[in-house]
Amino acid sequence: MSYAGKVEHGFTEDARRDLERRASGLGIGTTALSTKVSKPKARWLKPEILVDVEYRALTGKGKLRHPSFKGVREDL
């Protein structure tokens, strides 16, 4: 698992509340990523929620360019 950037756009207020509800109890306190990422404000969770994210391209460093939240995957 590797860090691909953060998603800040595309969330409705209902979607934000739903993700907060789903994330409660999934906190792990430290990253589960294979490479250390310095994000002091990040809240690390068990990787149990899968979401659709649309993005324009990848940067040269492999990060998502212009990511936008599309929804939680319910089919898994």
PDB file of N, CA and C in Angstrom:
ATOM      1  N   MET A   1       0.841  -1.162   0.000  1.00  0.00           N
ATOM      2  CA  MET A   1       0.000   0.000   0.000  1.00  0.00           C
ATOM      3  C   MET A   1       0.898   1.240   0.000  1.00  0.00           C
ATOM      4  N   SER A   2       0.583   2.210  -0.844  1.00  0.00           N
ATOM      5  CA  SER A   2       1.392   3.421  -0.883  1.00  0.00           C
ATOM      6  C   SER A   2       0.510   4.663  -0.911  1.00  0.00           C
ATOM      7  N   TYR A   3       1.052   5.769  -0.474  1.00  0.00           N
ATOM      8  CA  TYR A   3       0.342   7.040  -0.392  1.00  0.00           C
ATOM      9  C   TYR A   3       0.265   7.669  -1.785  1.00  0.00           C
ATOM     10  N   ALA A   4      -0.944   8.068  -2.210  1.00  0.00           N
ATOM     11  CA  ALA A   4      -1.129   8.670  -3.537  1.00  0.00           C
ATOM     12  C   ALA A   4      -1.652  10.093  -3.447  1.00  0.00           C
ATOM     13  N   GLY A   5      -1.720  10.657  -2.260  1.00  0.00           N
ATOM     14  CA  GLY A   5      -2.197  12.022  -2.096  1.00  0.00           C
ATOM     15  C   GLY A   5      -3.502  12.058  -1.323  1.00  0.00           C
ATOM     16  N   LYS A   6      -3.979  13.261  -1.093  1.00  0.00           N
ATOM     17  CA  LYS A   6      -5.224  13.418  -0.343  1.00  0.00           C
ATOM     18  C   LYS A   6      -6.326  13.929  -1.263  1.00  0.00           C
ATOM     19  N   VAL A   7      -7.548  13.631  -0.884  1.00  0.00           N
ATOM     20  CA  VAL A   7      -8.720  14.055  -1.649  1.00  0.00           C
ATOM     21  C   VAL A   7      -9.452  15.098  -0.820  1.00  0.00           C
ATOM     22  N   GLU A   8      -9.604  16.292  -1.368  1.00  0.00           N
ATOM     23  CA  GLU A   8     -10.258  17.380  -0.632  1.00  0.00           C
ATOM     24  C   GLU A   8     -11.541  17.847  -1.298  1.00  0.00           C
ATOM     25  N   HIS A   9     -11.835  17.393  -2.499  1.00  0.00           N
ATOM     26  CA  HIS A   9     -12.980  17.900  -3.254  1.00  0.00           C
ATOM     27  C   HIS A   9     -13.973  16.780  -3.566  1.00  0.00           C
ATOM     28  N   GLY A  10     -15.227  17.170  -3.785  1.00  0.00           N
ATOM     29  CA  GLY A  10     -16.253  16.225  -4.188  1.00  0.00           C
ATOM     30  C   GLY A  10     -17.140  15.722  -3.064  1.00  0.00           C
ATOM     31  N   PHE A  11     -16.857  16.128  -1.847  1.00  0.00           N
ATOM     32  CA  PHE A  11     -17.640  15.655  -0.701  1.00  0.00           C
ATOM     33  C   PHE A  11     -18.867  16.527  -0.486  1.00  0.00           C
ATOM     34  N   THR A  12     -20.025  15.903  -0.416  1.00  0.00           N
ATOM     35  CA  THR A  12     -21.211  16.619   0.054  1.00  0.00           C
ATOM     36  C   THR A  12     -21.186  16.549   1.581  1.00  0.00           C
ATOM     37  N   GLU A  13     -22.003  17.325   2.220  1.00  0.00           N
ATOM     38  CA  GLU A  13     -22.064  17.279   3.684  1.00  0.00           C
ATOM     39  C   GLU A  13     -22.548  15.903   4.149  1.00  0.00           C
ATOM     40  N   ASP A  14     -23.515  15.316   3.435  1.00  0.00           N
ATOM     41  CA  ASP A  14     -23.999  13.974   3.786  1.00  0.00           C
ATOM     42  C   ASP A  14     -22.898  12.929   3.631  1.00  0.00           C
ATOM     43  N   ALA A  15     -22.131  13.019   2.549  1.00  0.00           N
ATOM     44  CA  ALA A  15     -21.040  12.063   2.322  1.00  0.00           C
ATOM     45  C   ALA A  15     -19.974  12.207   3.396  1.00  0.00           C
ATOM     46  N   ARG A  16     -19.656  13.435   3.781  1.00  0.00           N
ATOM     47  CA  ARG A  16     -18.668  13.659   4.832  1.00  0.00           C
ATOM     48  C   ARG A  16     -19.119  13.041   6.148  1.00  0.00           C
ATOM     49  N   ARG A  17     -20.393  13.264   6.504  1.00  0.00           N
ATOM     50  CA  ARG A  17     -20.934  12.686   7.745  1.00  0.00           C
ATOM     51  C   ARG A  17     -20.922  11.158   7.694  1.00  0.00           C
ATOM     52  N   ASP A  18     -21.279  10.586   6.535  1.00  0.00           N
ATOM     53  CA  ASP A  18     -21.282   9.130   6.372  1.00  0.00           C
ATOM     54  C   ASP A  18     -19.870   8.565   6.546  1.00  0.00           C
ATOM     55  N   LEU A  19     -18.873   9.217   5.955  1.00  0.00           N
ATOM     56  CA  LEU A  19     -17.494   8.749   6.110  1.00  0.00           C
ATOM     57  C   LEU A  19     -17.018   8.869   7.550  1.00  0.00           C
ATOM     58  N   GLU A  20     -17.395   9.943   8.216  1.00  0.00           N
ATOM     59  CA  GLU A  20     -17.039  10.096   9.638  1.00  0.00           C
ATOM     60  C   GLU A  20     -17.636   8.947  10.454  1.00  0.00           C
ATOM     61  N   ARG A  21     -18.888   8.609  10.180  1.00  0.00           N
ATOM     62  CA  ARG A  21     -19.550   7.508  10.896  1.00  0.00           C
ATOM     63  C   ARG A  21     -18.837   6.185  10.616  1.00  0.00           C
ATOM     64  N   ARG A  22     -18.539   5.913   9.350  1.00  0.00           N
ATOM     65  CA  ARG A  22     -17.868   4.659   8.976  1.00  0.00           C
ATOM     66  C   ARG A  22     -16.459   4.575   9.556  1.00  0.00           C
ATOM     67  N   ALA A  23     -15.782   5.717   9.654  1.00  0.00           N
ATOM     68  CA  ALA A  23     -14.396   5.737  10.123  1.00  0.00           C
ATOM     69  C   ALA A  23     -14.280   5.618  11.637  1.00  0.00           C
ATOM     70  N   SER A  24     -15.345   5.929  12.354  1.00  0.00           N
ATOM     71  CA  SER A  24     -15.257   5.841  13.818  1.00  0.00           C
ATOM     72  C   SER A  24     -14.961   4.394  14.213  1.00  0.00           C
ATOM     73  N   GLY A  25     -13.965   4.224  15.027  1.00  0.00           N
ATOM     74  CA  GLY A  25     -13.564   2.890  15.452  1.00  0.00           C
ATOM     75  C   GLY A  25     -12.514   2.245  14.564  1.00  0.00           C
ATOM     76  N   LEU A  26     -12.146   2.884  13.452  1.00  0.00           N
ATOM     77  CA  LEU A  26     -11.136   2.312  12.557  1.00  0.00           C
ATOM     78  C   LEU A  26      -9.759   2.945  12.743  1.00  0.00           C
ATOM     79  N   GLY A  27      -9.636   3.891  13.655  1.00  0.00           N
ATOM     80  CA  GLY A  27      -8.359   4.565  13.870  1.00  0.00           C
ATOM     81  C   GLY A  27      -7.281   3.615  14.361  1.00  0.00           C
ATOM     82  N   ILE A  28      -6.063   3.766  13.828  1.00  0.00           N
ATOM     83  CA  ILE A  28      -4.957   2.892  14.229  1.00  0.00           C
ATOM     84  C   ILE A  28      -3.774   3.663  14.805  1.00  0.00           C
ATOM     85  N   GLY A  29      -3.807   5.010  14.742  1.00  0.00           N
ATOM     86  CA  GLY A  29      -2.777   5.805  15.384  1.00  0.00           C
ATOM     87  C   GLY A  29      -1.476   5.951  14.609  1.00  0.00           C
ATOM     88  N   THR A  30      -1.190   5.033  13.710  1.00  0.00           N
ATOM     89  CA  THR A  30       0.030   5.121  12.903  1.00  0.00           C
ATOM     90  C   THR A  30      -0.284   4.622  11.497  1.00  0.00           C
ATOM     91  N   THR A  31       0.508   5.014  10.550  1.00  0.00           N
ATOM     92  CA  THR A  31       0.258   4.651   9.166  1.00  0.00           C
ATOM     93  C   THR A  31       0.431   3.149   8.911  1.00  0.00           C
ATOM     94  N   ALA A  32      -0.372   2.618   8.007  1.00  0.00           N
ATOM     95  CA  ALA A  32      -0.242   1.229   7.564  1.00  0.00           C
ATOM     96  C   ALA A  32       0.473   1.172   6.215  1.00  0.00           C
ATOM     97  N   LEU A  33       1.006   2.321   5.777  1.00  0.00           N
ATOM     98  CA  LEU A  33       1.659   2.403   4.471  1.00  0.00           C
ATOM     99  C   LEU A  33       3.066   1.820   4.524  1.00  0.00           C
ATOM    100  N   SER A  34       3.517   1.329   3.388  1.00  0.00           N
ATOM    101  CA  SER A  34       4.848   0.721   3.327  1.00  0.00           C
ATOM    102  C   SER A  34       5.966   1.765   3.407  1.00  0.00           C
ATOM    103  N   THR A  35       5.700   2.989   2.961  1.00  0.00           N
ATOM    104  CA  THR A  35       6.680   4.073   3.013  1.00  0.00           C
ATOM    105  C   THR A  35       6.200   5.134   3.988  1.00  0.00           C
ATOM    106  N   LYS A  36       7.096   5.632   4.828  1.00  0.00           N
ATOM    107  CA  LYS A  36       6.727   6.651   5.809  1.00  0.00           C
ATOM    108  C   LYS A  36       6.273   7.930   5.113  1.00  0.00           C
ATOM    109  N   VAL A  37       5.151   8.478   5.585  1.00  0.00           N
ATOM    110  CA  VAL A  37       4.592   9.719   5.056  1.00  0.00           C
ATOM    111  C   VAL A  37       4.462  10.699   6.210  1.00  0.00           C
ATOM    112  N   SER A  38       4.979  11.897   6.033  1.00  0.00           N
ATOM    113  CA  SER A  38       4.897  12.911   7.085  1.00  0.00           C
ATOM    114  C   SER A  38       3.655  13.773   6.868  1.00  0.00           C
ATOM    115  N   LYS A  39       2.592  13.442   7.556  1.00  0.00           N
ATOM    116  CA  LYS A  39       1.327  14.179   7.518  1.00  0.00           C
ATOM    117  C   LYS A  39       0.847  14.338   8.957  1.00  0.00           C
ATOM    118  N   PRO A  40       1.322  15.378   9.658  1.00  0.00           N
ATOM    119  CA  PRO A  40       1.014  15.524  11.082  1.00  0.00           C
ATOM    120  C   PRO A  40      -0.477  15.591  11.415  1.00  0.00           C
ATOM    121  N   LYS A  41      -1.308  16.108  10.517  1.00  0.00           N
ATOM    122  CA  LYS A  41      -2.738  16.233  10.803  1.00  0.00           C
ATOM    123  C   LYS A  41      -3.543  15.014  10.355  1.00  0.00           C
ATOM    124  N   ALA A  42      -2.895  14.038   9.727  1.00  0.00           N
ATOM    125  CA  ALA A  42      -3.601  12.871   9.189  1.00  0.00           C
ATOM    126  C   ALA A  42      -4.181  12.007  10.311  1.00  0.00           C
ATOM    127  N   ARG A  43      -5.316  11.410  10.019  1.00  0.00           N
ATOM    128  CA  ARG A  43      -5.908  10.401  10.899  1.00  0.00           C
ATOM    129  C   ARG A  43      -5.799   9.083  10.152  1.00  0.00           C
ATOM    130  N   TRP A  44      -5.004   8.180  10.643  1.00  0.00           N
ATOM    131  CA  TRP A  44      -4.773   6.912   9.967  1.00  0.00           C
ATOM    132  C   TRP A  44      -5.830   5.901  10.384  1.00  0.00           C
ATOM    133  N   LEU A  45      -6.365   5.192   9.400  1.00  0.00           N
ATOM    134  CA  LEU A  45      -7.430   4.217   9.628  1.00  0.00           C
ATOM    135  C   LEU A  45      -7.026   2.850   9.107  1.00  0.00           C
ATOM    136  N   LYS A  46      -7.664   1.814   9.648  1.00  0.00           N
ATOM    137  CA  LYS A  46      -7.531   0.488   9.053  1.00  0.00           C
ATOM    138  C   LYS A  46      -8.080   0.596   7.631  1.00  0.00           C
ATOM    139  N   PRO A  47      -7.433  -0.015   6.665  1.00  0.00           N
ATOM    140  CA  PRO A  47      -7.894   0.100   5.271  1.00  0.00           C
ATOM    141  C   PRO A  47      -9.113  -0.779   4.991  1.00  0.00           C
ATOM    142  N   GLU A  48     -10.275  -0.360   5.514  1.00  0.00           N
ATOM    143  CA  GLU A  48     -11.494  -1.151   5.371  1.00  0.00           C
ATOM    144  C   GLU A  48     -12.595  -0.435   4.602  1.00  0.00           C
ATOM    145  N   ILE A  49     -12.384   0.816   4.224  1.00  0.00           N
ATOM    146  CA  ILE A  49     -13.368   1.571   3.445  1.00  0.00           C
ATOM    147  C   ILE A  49     -12.759   1.813   2.069  1.00  0.00           C
ATOM    148  N   LEU A  50     -13.480   1.428   1.033  1.00  0.00           N
ATOM    149  CA  LEU A  50     -12.998   1.632  -0.325  1.00  0.00           C
ATOM    150  C   LEU A  50     -13.859   2.691  -0.993  1.00  0.00           C
ATOM    151  N   VAL A  51     -13.218   3.703  -1.569  1.00  0.00           N
ATOM    152  CA  VAL A  51     -13.952   4.790  -2.216  1.00  0.00           C
ATOM    153  C   VAL A  51     -13.513   4.939  -3.671  1.00  0.00           C
ATOM    154  N   ASP A  52     -14.395   5.506  -4.482  1.00  0.00           N
ATOM    155  CA  ASP A  52     -14.069   5.871  -5.860  1.00  0.00           C
ATOM    156  C   ASP A  52     -13.548   7.297  -5.857  1.00  0.00           C
ATOM    157  N   VAL A  53     -12.421   7.498  -6.511  1.00  0.00           N
ATOM    158  CA  VAL A  53     -11.818   8.817  -6.645  1.00  0.00           C
ATOM    159  C   VAL A  53     -11.482   9.023  -8.118  1.00  0.00           C
ATOM    160  N   GLU A  54     -11.948  10.131  -8.659  1.00  0.00           N
ATOM    161  CA  GLU A  54     -11.614  10.481 -10.036  1.00  0.00           C
ATOM    162  C   GLU A  54     -10.443  11.455  -9.999  1.00  0.00           C
ATOM    163  N   TYR A  55      -9.509  11.310 -10.932  1.00  0.00           N
ATOM    164  CA  TYR A  55      -8.375  12.227 -10.986  1.00  0.00           C
ATOM    165  C   TYR A  55      -7.963  12.455 -12.434  1.00  0.00           C
ATOM    166  N   ARG A  56      -7.267  13.545 -12.690  1.00  0.00           N
ATOM    167  CA  ARG A  56      -6.888  13.935 -14.057  1.00  0.00           C
ATOM    168  C   ARG A  56      -5.686  13.162 -14.564  1.00  0.00           C
ATOM    169  N   ALA A  57      -4.693  12.978 -13.716  1.00  0.00           N
ATOM    170  CA  ALA A  57      -3.451  12.310 -14.115  1.00  0.00           C
ATOM    171  C   ALA A  57      -2.651  12.024 -12.854  1.00  0.00           C
ATOM    172  N   LEU A  58      -1.497  11.420 -13.035  1.00  0.00           N
ATOM    173  CA  LEU A  58      -0.557  11.227 -11.940  1.00  0.00           C
ATOM    174  C   LEU A  58       0.590  12.215 -12.110  1.00  0.00           C
ATOM    175  N   THR A  59       1.094  12.704 -10.996  1.00  0.00           N
ATOM    176  CA  THR A  59       2.258  13.592 -11.049  1.00  0.00           C
ATOM    177  C   THR A  59       3.495  12.751 -11.324  1.00  0.00           C
ATOM    178  N   GLY A  60       4.614  13.402 -11.517  1.00  0.00           N
ATOM    179  CA  GLY A  60       5.881  12.702 -11.717  1.00  0.00           C
ATOM    180  C   GLY A  60       6.282  11.853 -10.530  1.00  0.00           C
ATOM    181  N   LYS A  61       5.761  12.202  -9.351  1.00  0.00           N
ATOM    182  CA  LYS A  61       6.056  11.440  -8.130  1.00  0.00           C
ATOM    183  C   LYS A  61       4.989  10.393  -7.817  1.00  0.00           C
ATOM    184  N   GLY A  62       4.036  10.188  -8.757  1.00  0.00           N
ATOM    185  CA  GLY A  62       3.018   9.158  -8.576  1.00  0.00           C
ATOM    186  C   GLY A  62       1.833   9.570  -7.724  1.00  0.00           C
ATOM    187  N   LYS A  63       1.668  10.859  -7.474  1.00  0.00           N
ATOM    188  CA  LYS A  63       0.523  11.346  -6.694  1.00  0.00           C
ATOM    189  C   LYS A  63      -0.632  11.694  -7.635  1.00  0.00           C
ATOM    190  N   LEU A  64      -1.856  11.661  -7.112  1.00  0.00           N
ATOM    191  CA  LEU A  64      -3.037  11.990  -7.900  1.00  0.00           C
ATOM    192  C   LEU A  64      -3.087  13.490  -8.170  1.00  0.00           C
ATOM    193  N   ARG A  65      -3.391  13.840  -9.408  1.00  0.00           N
ATOM    194  CA  ARG A  65      -3.527  15.253  -9.774  1.00  0.00           C
ATOM    195  C   ARG A  65      -5.022  15.579  -9.851  1.00  0.00           C
ATOM    196  N   HIS A  66      -5.462  16.578  -9.097  1.00  0.00           N
ATOM    197  CA  HIS A  66      -6.860  17.030  -9.036  1.00  0.00           C
ATOM    198  C   HIS A  66      -7.830  15.897  -8.669  1.00  0.00           C
ATOM    199  N   PRO A  67      -7.591  15.220  -7.541  1.00  0.00           N
ATOM    200  CA  PRO A  67      -8.497  14.139  -7.146  1.00  0.00           C
ATOM    201  C   PRO A  67      -9.839  14.670  -6.638  1.00  0.00           C
ATOM    202  N   SER A  68     -10.903  13.916  -6.923  1.00  0.00           N
ATOM    203  CA  SER A  68     -12.245  14.288  -6.485  1.00  0.00           C
ATOM    204  C   SER A  68     -12.983  13.035  -6.016  1.00  0.00           C
ATOM    205  N   PHE A  69     -13.563  13.115  -4.837  1.00  0.00           N
ATOM    206  CA  PHE A  69     -14.328  12.008  -4.243  1.00  0.00           C
ATOM    207  C   PHE A  69     -15.599  11.766  -5.042  1.00  0.00           C
ATOM    208  N   LYS A  70     -15.872  10.500  -5.390  1.00  0.00           N
ATOM    209  CA  LYS A  70     -17.075  10.145  -6.144  1.00  0.00           C
ATOM    210  C   LYS A  70     -18.054   9.300  -5.334  1.00  0.00           C
ATOM    211  N   GLY A  71     -17.594   8.648  -4.286  1.00  0.00           N
ATOM    212  CA  GLY A  71     -18.499   7.873  -3.455  1.00  0.00           C
ATOM    213  C   GLY A  71     -17.815   6.675  -2.830  1.00  0.00           C
ATOM    214  N   VAL A  72     -18.526   6.051  -1.889  1.00  0.00           N
ATOM    215  CA  VAL A  72     -18.049   4.849  -1.216  1.00  0.00           C
ATOM    216  C   VAL A  72     -18.468   3.645  -2.044  1.00  0.00           C
ATOM    217  N   ARG A  73     -17.571   2.693  -2.215  1.00  0.00           N
ATOM    218  CA  ARG A  73     -17.882   1.463  -2.943  1.00  0.00           C
ATOM    219  C   ARG A  73     -18.663   0.541  -2.025  1.00  0.00           C
ATOM    220  N   GLU A  74     -19.836   0.145  -2.427  1.00  0.00           N
ATOM    221  CA  GLU A  74     -20.676  -0.749  -1.630  1.00  0.00           C
ATOM    222  C   GLU A  74     -20.677  -2.178  -2.180  1.00  0.00           C
ATOM    223  N   ASP A  75     -20.024  -2.402  -3.320  1.00  0.00           N
ATOM    224  CA  ASP A  75     -20.100  -3.692  -3.995  1.00  0.00           C
ATOM    225  C   ASP A  75     -19.038  -4.682  -3.543  1.00  0.00           C
ATOM    226  N   LEU A  76     -18.256  -4.344  -2.543  1.00  0.00           N
ATOM    227  CA  LEU A  76     -17.194  -5.258  -2.113  1.00  0.00           C
ATOM    228  C   LEU A  76     -17.486  -5.884  -0.783  1.00  0.00           C
TER     229      LEU A  76
END
